[in-house]
Amino acid sequence: MFDKSVFDGVVVCEAADAMANHIITEFEIPRLDRLATKLKVNSCFNDHQALRLWADRLCENYPITNDFTVYDLEDLIQTARILFLKIFS
């Protein structure tokens, strides 16, 4: 559905990159190797890459239409934030 490109060494959509960047910034996540297992991503990826891949999976399950807007992106970011907090709480 979303066009994919390479962001931080992984192929994900631009929305997933934006979602991951928001979480990385908000929670000050360093580029370590601790999150992949919890996010159910291959452990060969660092935390920033794992977040992008996890967010990309969320995007693949997001019901989109041809008129995808900034509001949809904000909704995706908030959904990712809530799910991320649930995983690590």
PDB file of N, CA and C in Angstrom:
ATOM      1  N   MET A   1       0.820  -1.196   0.000  1.00  0.00           N
ATOM      2  CA  MET A   1       0.000   0.000   0.000  1.00  0.00           C
ATOM      3  C   MET A   1       0.866   1.263   0.000  1.00  0.00           C
ATOM      4  N   PHE A   2       1.782   1.339   0.958  1.00  0.00           N
ATOM      5  CA  PHE A   2       2.680   2.475   1.029  1.00  0.00           C
ATOM      6  C   PHE A   2       3.917   2.167   0.186  1.00  0.00           C
ATOM      7  N   ASP A   3       4.450   3.181  -0.497  1.00  0.00           N
ATOM      8  CA  ASP A   3       5.703   2.990  -1.215  1.00  0.00           C
ATOM      9  C   ASP A   3       6.817   2.822  -0.199  1.00  0.00           C
ATOM     10  N   LYS A   4       7.749   1.932  -0.498  1.00  0.00           N
ATOM     11  CA  LYS A   4       8.827   1.650   0.450  1.00  0.00           C
ATOM     12  C   LYS A   4      10.155   2.151  -0.081  1.00  0.00           C
ATOM     13  N   SER A   5      11.018   2.554   0.843  1.00  0.00           N
ATOM     14  CA  SER A   5      12.362   3.021   0.545  1.00  0.00           C
ATOM     15  C   SER A   5      13.282   2.547   1.661  1.00  0.00           C
ATOM     16  N   VAL A   6      14.567   2.803   1.496  1.00  0.00           N
ATOM     17  CA  VAL A   6      15.530   2.431   2.530  1.00  0.00           C
ATOM     18  C   VAL A   6      15.664   3.579   3.525  1.00  0.00           C
ATOM     19  N   PHE A   7      15.408   3.291   4.778  1.00  0.00           N
ATOM     20  CA  PHE A   7      15.589   4.234   5.873  1.00  0.00           C
ATOM     21  C   PHE A   7      16.437   3.536   6.921  1.00  0.00           C
ATOM     22  N   ASP A   8      17.552   4.096   7.261  1.00  0.00           N
ATOM     23  CA  ASP A   8      18.437   3.547   8.292  1.00  0.00           C
ATOM     24  C   ASP A   8      18.802   2.079   8.018  1.00  0.00           C
ATOM     25  N   GLY A   9      18.964   1.741   6.749  1.00  0.00           N
ATOM     26  CA  GLY A   9      19.410   0.401   6.398  1.00  0.00           C
ATOM     27  C   GLY A   9      18.335  -0.659   6.291  1.00  0.00           C
ATOM     28  N   VAL A  10      17.068  -0.290   6.449  1.00  0.00           N
ATOM     29  CA  VAL A  10      15.973  -1.247   6.295  1.00  0.00           C
ATOM     30  C   VAL A  10      14.947  -0.676   5.315  1.00  0.00           C
ATOM     31  N   VAL A  11      14.244  -1.552   4.638  1.00  0.00           N
ATOM     32  CA  VAL A  11      13.246  -1.127   3.658  1.00  0.00           C
ATOM     33  C   VAL A  11      11.886  -1.051   4.336  1.00  0.00           C
ATOM     34  N   VAL A  12      11.392   0.172   4.484  1.00  0.00           N
ATOM     35  CA  VAL A  12      10.095   0.424   5.115  1.00  0.00           C
ATOM     36  C   VAL A  12       9.421   1.597   4.409  1.00  0.00           C
ATOM     37  N   CYS A  13       8.170   1.819   4.723  1.00  0.00           N
ATOM     38  CA  CYS A  13       7.469   2.961   4.142  1.00  0.00           C
ATOM     39  C   CYS A  13       7.817   4.236   4.912  1.00  0.00           C
ATOM     40  N   GLU A  14       7.547   5.364   4.290  1.00  0.00           N
ATOM     41  CA  GLU A  14       7.872   6.649   4.898  1.00  0.00           C
ATOM     42  C   GLU A  14       7.099   6.872   6.201  1.00  0.00           C
ATOM     43  N   ALA A  15       5.867   6.395   6.248  1.00  0.00           N
ATOM     44  CA  ALA A  15       5.069   6.534   7.476  1.00  0.00           C
ATOM     45  C   ALA A  15       5.708   5.762   8.624  1.00  0.00           C
ATOM     46  N   ALA A  16       6.221   4.567   8.347  1.00  0.00           N
ATOM     47  CA  ALA A  16       6.889   3.769   9.386  1.00  0.00           C
ATOM     48  C   ALA A  16       8.138   4.481   9.883  1.00  0.00           C
ATOM     49  N   ASP A  17       8.872   5.095   8.975  1.00  0.00           N
ATOM     50  CA  ASP A  17      10.055   5.847   9.376  1.00  0.00           C
ATOM     51  C   ASP A  17       9.663   7.004  10.286  1.00  0.00           C
ATOM     52  N   ALA A  18       8.595   7.711   9.938  1.00  0.00           N
ATOM     53  CA  ALA A  18       8.125   8.837  10.762  1.00  0.00           C
ATOM     54  C   ALA A  18       7.677   8.347  12.138  1.00  0.00           C
ATOM     55  N   MET A  19       6.976   7.216  12.177  1.00  0.00           N
ATOM     56  CA  MET A  19       6.518   6.661  13.443  1.00  0.00           C
ATOM     57  C   MET A  19       7.709   6.270  14.318  1.00  0.00           C
ATOM     58  N   ALA A  20       8.666   5.590  13.721  1.00  0.00           N
ATOM     59  CA  ALA A  20       9.852   5.163  14.474  1.00  0.00           C
ATOM     60  C   ALA A  20      10.635   6.372  14.977  1.00  0.00           C
ATOM     61  N   ASN A  21      10.808   7.370  14.127  1.00  0.00           N
ATOM     62  CA  ASN A  21      11.532   8.576  14.553  1.00  0.00           C
ATOM     63  C   ASN A  21      10.854   9.246  15.735  1.00  0.00           C
ATOM     64  N   HIS A  22       9.530   9.273  15.725  1.00  0.00           N
ATOM     65  CA  HIS A  22       8.790   9.880  16.837  1.00  0.00           C
ATOM     66  C   HIS A  22       9.055   9.116  18.141  1.00  0.00           C
ATOM     67  N   ILE A  23       8.972   7.794  18.091  1.00  0.00           N
ATOM     68  CA  ILE A  23       9.201   6.980  19.285  1.00  0.00           C
ATOM     69  C   ILE A  23      10.654   7.086  19.746  1.00  0.00           C
ATOM     70  N   ILE A  24      11.593   7.041  18.808  1.00  0.00           N
ATOM     71  CA  ILE A  24      13.016   7.152  19.140  1.00  0.00           C
ATOM     72  C   ILE A  24      13.299   8.472  19.845  1.00  0.00           C
ATOM     73  N   THR A  25      12.724   9.542  19.337  1.00  0.00           N
ATOM     74  CA  THR A  25      12.942  10.865  19.934  1.00  0.00           C
ATOM     75  C   THR A  25      12.249  10.991  21.282  1.00  0.00           C
ATOM     76  N   GLU A  26      10.979  10.605  21.338  1.00  0.00           N
ATOM     77  CA  GLU A  26      10.210  10.761  22.579  1.00  0.00           C
ATOM     78  C   GLU A  26      10.805   9.962  23.736  1.00  0.00           C
ATOM     79  N   PHE A  27      11.224   8.736  23.462  1.00  0.00           N
ATOM     80  CA  PHE A  27      11.722   7.867  24.524  1.00  0.00           C
ATOM     81  C   PHE A  27      13.241   7.788  24.580  1.00  0.00           C
ATOM     82  N   GLU A  28      13.895   8.629  23.783  1.00  0.00           N
ATOM     83  CA  GLU A  28      15.365   8.724  23.755  1.00  0.00           C
ATOM     84  C   GLU A  28      16.000   7.343  23.647  1.00  0.00           C
ATOM     85  N   ILE A  29      15.607   6.614  22.619  1.00  0.00           N
ATOM     86  CA  ILE A  29      16.080   5.244  22.423  1.00  0.00           C
ATOM     87  C   ILE A  29      17.421   5.257  21.700  1.00  0.00           C
ATOM     88  N   PRO A  30      18.455   4.711  22.338  1.00  0.00           N
ATOM     89  CA  PRO A  30      19.763   4.645  21.681  1.00  0.00           C
ATOM     90  C   PRO A  30      19.789   3.508  20.653  1.00  0.00           C
ATOM     91  N   ARG A  31      20.815   3.496  19.849  1.00  0.00           N
ATOM     92  CA  ARG A  31      20.961   2.482  18.799  1.00  0.00           C
ATOM     93  C   ARG A  31      21.639   1.238  19.387  1.00  0.00           C
ATOM     94  N   LEU A  32      20.917   0.523  20.236  1.00  0.00           N
ATOM     95  CA  LEU A  32      21.452  -0.695  20.857  1.00  0.00           C
ATOM     96  C   LEU A  32      20.798  -1.919  20.219  1.00  0.00           C
ATOM     97  N   ASP A  33      20.920  -3.053  20.860  1.00  0.00           N
ATOM     98  CA  ASP A  33      20.354  -4.295  20.339  1.00  0.00           C
ATOM     99  C   ASP A  33      19.479  -4.983  21.383  1.00  0.00           C
ATOM    100  N   ARG A  34      18.492  -4.276  21.886  1.00  0.00           N
ATOM    101  CA  ARG A  34      17.673  -4.830  22.964  1.00  0.00           C
ATOM    102  C   ARG A  34      16.198  -4.974  22.626  1.00  0.00           C
ATOM    103  N   LEU A  35      15.692  -4.241  21.645  1.00  0.00           N
ATOM    104  CA  LEU A  35      14.254  -4.190  21.404  1.00  0.00           C
ATOM    105  C   LEU A  35      13.732  -5.229  20.420  1.00  0.00           C
ATOM    106  N   ALA A  36      14.564  -5.720  19.548  1.00  0.00           N
ATOM    107  CA  ALA A  36      14.100  -6.575  18.450  1.00  0.00           C
ATOM    108  C   ALA A  36      13.261  -7.752  18.926  1.00  0.00           C
ATOM    109  N   THR A  37      13.711  -8.449  19.931  1.00  0.00           N
ATOM    110  CA  THR A  37      12.984  -9.626  20.409  1.00  0.00           C
ATOM    111  C   THR A  37      11.598  -9.252  20.910  1.00  0.00           C
ATOM    112  N   LYS A  38      11.520  -8.190  21.699  1.00  0.00           N
ATOM    113  CA  LYS A  38      10.213  -7.766  22.229  1.00  0.00           C
ATOM    114  C   LYS A  38       9.272  -7.298  21.125  1.00  0.00           C
ATOM    115  N   LEU A  39       9.856  -6.697  20.062  1.00  0.00           N
ATOM    116  CA  LEU A  39       9.044  -6.210  18.956  1.00  0.00           C
ATOM    117  C   LEU A  39       8.780  -7.294  17.910  1.00  0.00           C
ATOM    118  N   LYS A  40       9.277  -8.510  18.190  1.00  0.00           N
ATOM    119  CA  LYS A  40       9.124  -9.657  17.288  1.00  0.00           C
ATOM    120  C   LYS A  40       9.711  -9.376  15.909  1.00  0.00           C
ATOM    121  N   VAL A  41      10.943  -8.860  15.948  1.00  0.00           N
ATOM    122  CA  VAL A  41      11.721  -8.567  14.747  1.00  0.00           C
ATOM    123  C   VAL A  41      13.016  -9.362  14.858  1.00  0.00           C
ATOM    124  N   ASN A  42      13.592  -9.730  13.748  1.00  0.00           N
ATOM    125  CA  ASN A  42      14.849 -10.477  13.744  1.00  0.00           C
ATOM    126  C   ASN A  42      15.886  -9.748  14.591  1.00  0.00           C
ATOM    127  N   SER A  43      16.577 -10.479  15.446  1.00  0.00           N
ATOM    128  CA  SER A  43      17.514  -9.872  16.403  1.00  0.00           C
ATOM    129  C   SER A  43      18.795  -9.342  15.766  1.00  0.00           C
ATOM    130  N   CYS A  44      18.959  -9.497  14.464  1.00  0.00           N
ATOM    131  CA  CYS A  44      20.150  -8.952  13.808  1.00  0.00           C
ATOM    132  C   CYS A  44      20.047  -7.439  13.624  1.00  0.00           C
ATOM    133  N   PHE A  45      18.884  -6.868  13.901  1.00  0.00           N
ATOM    134  CA  PHE A  45      18.677  -5.432  13.716  1.00  0.00           C
ATOM    135  C   PHE A  45      18.887  -4.669  15.012  1.00  0.00           C
ATOM    136  N   ASN A  46      19.441  -3.447  14.897  1.00  0.00           N
ATOM    137  CA  ASN A  46      19.582  -2.600  16.081  1.00  0.00           C
ATOM    138  C   ASN A  46      18.210  -2.020  16.440  1.00  0.00           C
ATOM    139  N   ASP A  47      18.132  -1.336  17.558  1.00  0.00           N
ATOM    140  CA  ASP A  47      16.848  -0.849  18.060  1.00  0.00           C
ATOM    141  C   ASP A  47      16.143   0.093  17.087  1.00  0.00           C
ATOM    142  N   HIS A  48      16.876   0.976  16.434  1.00  0.00           N
ATOM    143  CA  HIS A  48      16.268   1.921  15.493  1.00  0.00           C
ATOM    144  C   HIS A  48      15.713   1.180  14.280  1.00  0.00           C
ATOM    145  N   GLN A  49      16.451   0.216  13.777  1.00  0.00           N
ATOM    146  CA  GLN A  49      15.976  -0.571  12.640  1.00  0.00           C
ATOM    147  C   GLN A  49      14.783  -1.433  13.045  1.00  0.00           C
ATOM    148  N   ALA A  50      14.854  -2.044  14.216  1.00  0.00           N
ATOM    149  CA  ALA A  50      13.757  -2.884  14.699  1.00  0.00           C
ATOM    150  C   ALA A  50      12.472  -2.077  14.841  1.00  0.00           C
ATOM    151  N   LEU A  51      12.579  -0.867  15.351  1.00  0.00           N
ATOM    152  CA  LEU A  51      11.398  -0.010  15.479  1.00  0.00           C
ATOM    153  C   LEU A  51      10.801   0.312  14.118  1.00  0.00           C
ATOM    154  N   ARG A  52      11.646   0.577  13.133  1.00  0.00           N
ATOM    155  CA  ARG A  52      11.159   0.875  11.790  1.00  0.00           C
ATOM    156  C   ARG A  52      10.434  -0.335  11.192  1.00  0.00           C
ATOM    157  N   LEU A  53      10.992  -1.515  11.362  1.00  0.00           N
ATOM    158  CA  LEU A  53      10.354  -2.722  10.835  1.00  0.00           C
ATOM    159  C   LEU A  53       9.038  -3.020  11.556  1.00  0.00           C
ATOM    160  N   TRP A  54       9.023  -2.835  12.848  1.00  0.00           N
ATOM    161  CA  TRP A  54       7.808  -3.025  13.643  1.00  0.00           C
ATOM    162  C   TRP A  54       6.725  -2.026  13.200  1.00  0.00           C
ATOM    163  N   ALA A  55       7.123  -0.769  13.020  1.00  0.00           N
ATOM    164  CA  ALA A  55       6.182   0.256  12.577  1.00  0.00           C
ATOM    165  C   ALA A  55       5.673  -0.040  11.167  1.00  0.00           C
ATOM    166  N   ASP A  56       6.537  -0.568  10.328  1.00  0.00           N
ATOM    167  CA  ASP A  56       6.125  -0.915   8.967  1.00  0.00           C
ATOM    168  C   ASP A  56       5.040  -1.991   8.996  1.00  0.00           C
ATOM    169  N   ARG A  57       5.174  -2.937   9.909  1.00  0.00           N
ATOM    170  CA  ARG A  57       4.141  -3.965  10.068  1.00  0.00           C
ATOM    171  C   ARG A  57       2.810  -3.333  10.472  1.00  0.00           C
ATOM    172  N   LEU A  58       2.873  -2.333  11.352  1.00  0.00           N
ATOM    173  CA  LEU A  58       1.646  -1.629  11.748  1.00  0.00           C
ATOM    174  C   LEU A  58       1.008  -0.957  10.542  1.00  0.00           C
ATOM    175  N   CYS A  59       1.830  -0.354   9.702  1.00  0.00           N
ATOM    176  CA  CYS A  59       1.318   0.321   8.507  1.00  0.00           C
ATOM    177  C   CYS A  59       0.639  -0.660   7.554  1.00  0.00           C
ATOM    178  N   GLU A  60       1.195  -1.847   7.442  1.00  0.00           N
ATOM    179  CA  GLU A  60       0.610  -2.846   6.547  1.00  0.00           C
ATOM    180  C   GLU A  60      -0.779  -3.260   6.997  1.00  0.00           C
ATOM    181  N   ASN A  61      -1.064  -3.120   8.280  1.00  0.00           N
ATOM    182  CA  ASN A  61      -2.377  -3.482   8.819  1.00  0.00           C
ATOM    183  C   ASN A  61      -3.310  -2.287   8.976  1.00  0.00           C
ATOM    184  N   TYR A  62      -2.862  -1.102   8.556  1.00  0.00           N
ATOM    185  CA  TYR A  62      -3.661   0.116   8.694  1.00  0.00           C
ATOM    186  C   TYR A  62      -4.591   0.247   7.495  1.00  0.00           C
ATOM    187  N   PRO A  63      -5.882   0.442   7.745  1.00  0.00           N
ATOM    188  CA  PRO A  63      -6.808   0.584   6.608  1.00  0.00           C
ATOM    189  C   PRO A  63      -6.637   1.955   5.951  1.00  0.00           C
ATOM    190  N   ILE A  64      -6.069   1.973   4.763  1.00  0.00           N
ATOM    191  CA  ILE A  64      -5.850   3.262   4.106  1.00  0.00           C
ATOM    192  C   ILE A  64      -6.721   3.391   2.868  1.00  0.00           C
ATOM    193  N   THR A  65      -6.910   4.622   2.484  1.00  0.00           N
ATOM    194  CA  THR A  65      -7.639   4.931   1.263  1.00  0.00           C
ATOM    195  C   THR A  65      -6.718   5.763   0.382  1.00  0.00           C
ATOM    196  N   ASN A  66      -7.194   6.122  -0.758  1.00  0.00           N
ATOM    197  CA  ASN A  66      -6.384   6.930  -1.673  1.00  0.00           C
ATOM    198  C   ASN A  66      -6.132   8.332  -1.150  1.00  0.00           C
ATOM    199  N   ASP A  67      -6.943   8.778  -0.207  1.00  0.00           N
ATOM    200  CA  ASP A  67      -6.767  10.131   0.327  1.00  0.00           C
ATOM    201  C   ASP A  67      -6.077  10.119   1.696  1.00  0.00           C
ATOM    202  N   PHE A  68      -5.010   9.308   1.832  1.00  0.00           N
ATOM    203  CA  PHE A  68      -4.213   9.243   3.060  1.00  0.00           C
ATOM    204  C   PHE A  68      -3.726  10.654   3.390  1.00  0.00           C
ATOM    205  N   THR A  69      -3.917  11.086   4.634  1.00  0.00           N
ATOM    206  CA  THR A  69      -3.607  12.467   5.007  1.00  0.00           C
ATOM    207  C   THR A  69      -2.674  12.524   6.203  1.00  0.00           C
ATOM    208  N   VAL A  70      -2.307  13.754   6.568  1.00  0.00           N
ATOM    209  CA  VAL A  70      -1.486  13.990   7.756  1.00  0.00           C
ATOM    210  C   VAL A  70      -2.212  13.486   8.996  1.00  0.00           C
ATOM    211  N   TYR A  71      -3.539  13.580   8.996  1.00  0.00           N
ATOM    212  CA  TYR A  71      -4.296  13.108  10.157  1.00  0.00           C
ATOM    213  C   TYR A  71      -4.165  11.605  10.317  1.00  0.00           C
ATOM    214  N   ASP A  72      -4.130  10.891   9.207  1.00  0.00           N
ATOM    215  CA  ASP A  72      -3.918   9.452   9.278  1.00  0.00           C
ATOM    216  C   ASP A  72      -2.532   9.148   9.836  1.00  0.00           C
ATOM    217  N   LEU A  73      -1.527   9.913   9.425  1.00  0.00           N
ATOM    218  CA  LEU A  73      -0.168   9.715   9.929  1.00  0.00           C
ATOM    219  C   LEU A  73      -0.119   9.984  11.429  1.00  0.00           C
ATOM    220  N   GLU A  74      -0.776  11.036  11.879  1.00  0.00           N
ATOM    221  CA  GLU A  74      -0.823  11.328  13.319  1.00  0.00           C
ATOM    222  C   GLU A  74      -1.513  10.192  14.074  1.00  0.00           C
ATOM    223  N   ASP A  75      -2.558   9.637  13.498  1.00  0.00           N
ATOM    224  CA  ASP A  75      -3.251   8.510  14.115  1.00  0.00           C
ATOM    225  C   ASP A  75      -2.320   7.297  14.198  1.00  0.00           C
ATOM    226  N   LEU A  76      -1.580   7.044  13.121  1.00  0.00           N
ATOM    227  CA  LEU A  76      -0.613   5.948  13.126  1.00  0.00           C
ATOM    228  C   LEU A  76       0.447   6.148  14.196  1.00  0.00           C
ATOM    229  N   ILE A  77       0.959   7.357  14.305  1.00  0.00           N
ATOM    230  CA  ILE A  77       1.995   7.646  15.302  1.00  0.00           C
ATOM    231  C   ILE A  77       1.454   7.409  16.710  1.00  0.00           C
ATOM    232  N   GLN A  78       0.246   7.880  16.990  1.00  0.00           N
ATOM    233  CA  GLN A  78      -0.330   7.689  18.323  1.00  0.00           C
ATOM    234  C   GLN A  78      -0.621   6.216  18.598  1.00  0.00           C
ATOM    235  N   THR A  79      -1.082   5.497  17.584  1.00  0.00           N
ATOM    236  CA  THR A  79      -1.317   4.061  17.734  1.00  0.00           C
ATOM    237  C   THR A  79      -0.010   3.343  18.047  1.00  0.00           C
ATOM    238  N   ALA A  80       1.047   3.667  17.313  1.00  0.00           N
ATOM    239  CA  ALA A  80       2.358   3.050  17.545  1.00  0.00           C
ATOM    240  C   ALA A  80       2.853   3.368  18.946  1.00  0.00           C
ATOM    241  N   ARG A  81       2.683   4.596  19.361  1.00  0.00           N
ATOM    242  CA  ARG A  81       3.126   5.021  20.694  1.00  0.00           C
ATOM    243  C   ARG A  81       2.416   4.209  21.786  1.00  0.00           C
ATOM    244  N   ILE A  82       1.111   4.063  21.664  1.00  0.00           N
ATOM    245  CA  ILE A  82       0.325   3.323  22.652  1.00  0.00           C
ATOM    246  C   ILE A  82       0.727   1.844  22.664  1.00  0.00           C
ATOM    247  N   LEU A  83       0.863   1.253  21.484  1.00  0.00           N
ATOM    248  CA  LEU A  83       1.267  -0.159  21.415  1.00  0.00           C
ATOM    249  C   LEU A  83       2.677  -0.359  21.958  1.00  0.00           C
ATOM    250  N   PHE A  84       3.580   0.563  21.666  1.00  0.00           N
ATOM    251  CA  PHE A  84       4.942   0.479  22.178  1.00  0.00           C
ATOM    252  C   PHE A  84       4.945   0.517  23.699  1.00  0.00           C
ATOM    253  N   LEU A  85       4.157   1.425  24.273  1.00  0.00           N
ATOM    254  CA  LEU A  85       4.075   1.518  25.736  1.00  0.00           C
ATOM    255  C   LEU A  85       3.489   0.243  26.342  1.00  0.00           C
ATOM    256  N   LYS A  86       2.520  -0.361  25.680  1.00  0.00           N
ATOM    257  CA  LYS A  86       1.927  -1.615  26.181  1.00  0.00           C
ATOM    258  C   LYS A  86       2.951  -2.737  26.180  1.00  0.00           C
ATOM    259  N   ILE A  87       3.764  -2.788  25.138  1.00  0.00           N
ATOM    260  CA  ILE A  87       4.787  -3.851  25.048  1.00  0.00           C
ATOM    261  C   ILE A  87       5.787  -3.729  26.181  1.00  0.00           C
ATOM    262  N   PHE A  88       6.153  -2.508  26.535  1.00  0.00           N
ATOM    263  CA  PHE A  88       7.225  -2.302  27.516  1.00  0.00           C
ATOM    264  C   PHE A  88       6.741  -1.874  28.894  1.00  0.00           C
ATOM    265  N   SER A  89       5.454  -2.056  29.170  1.00  0.00           N
ATOM    266  CA  SER A  89       4.974  -1.714  30.513  1.00  0.00           C
ATOM    267  C   SER A  89       4.734  -2.957  31.342  1.00  0.00           C
TER     268      SER A  89
END
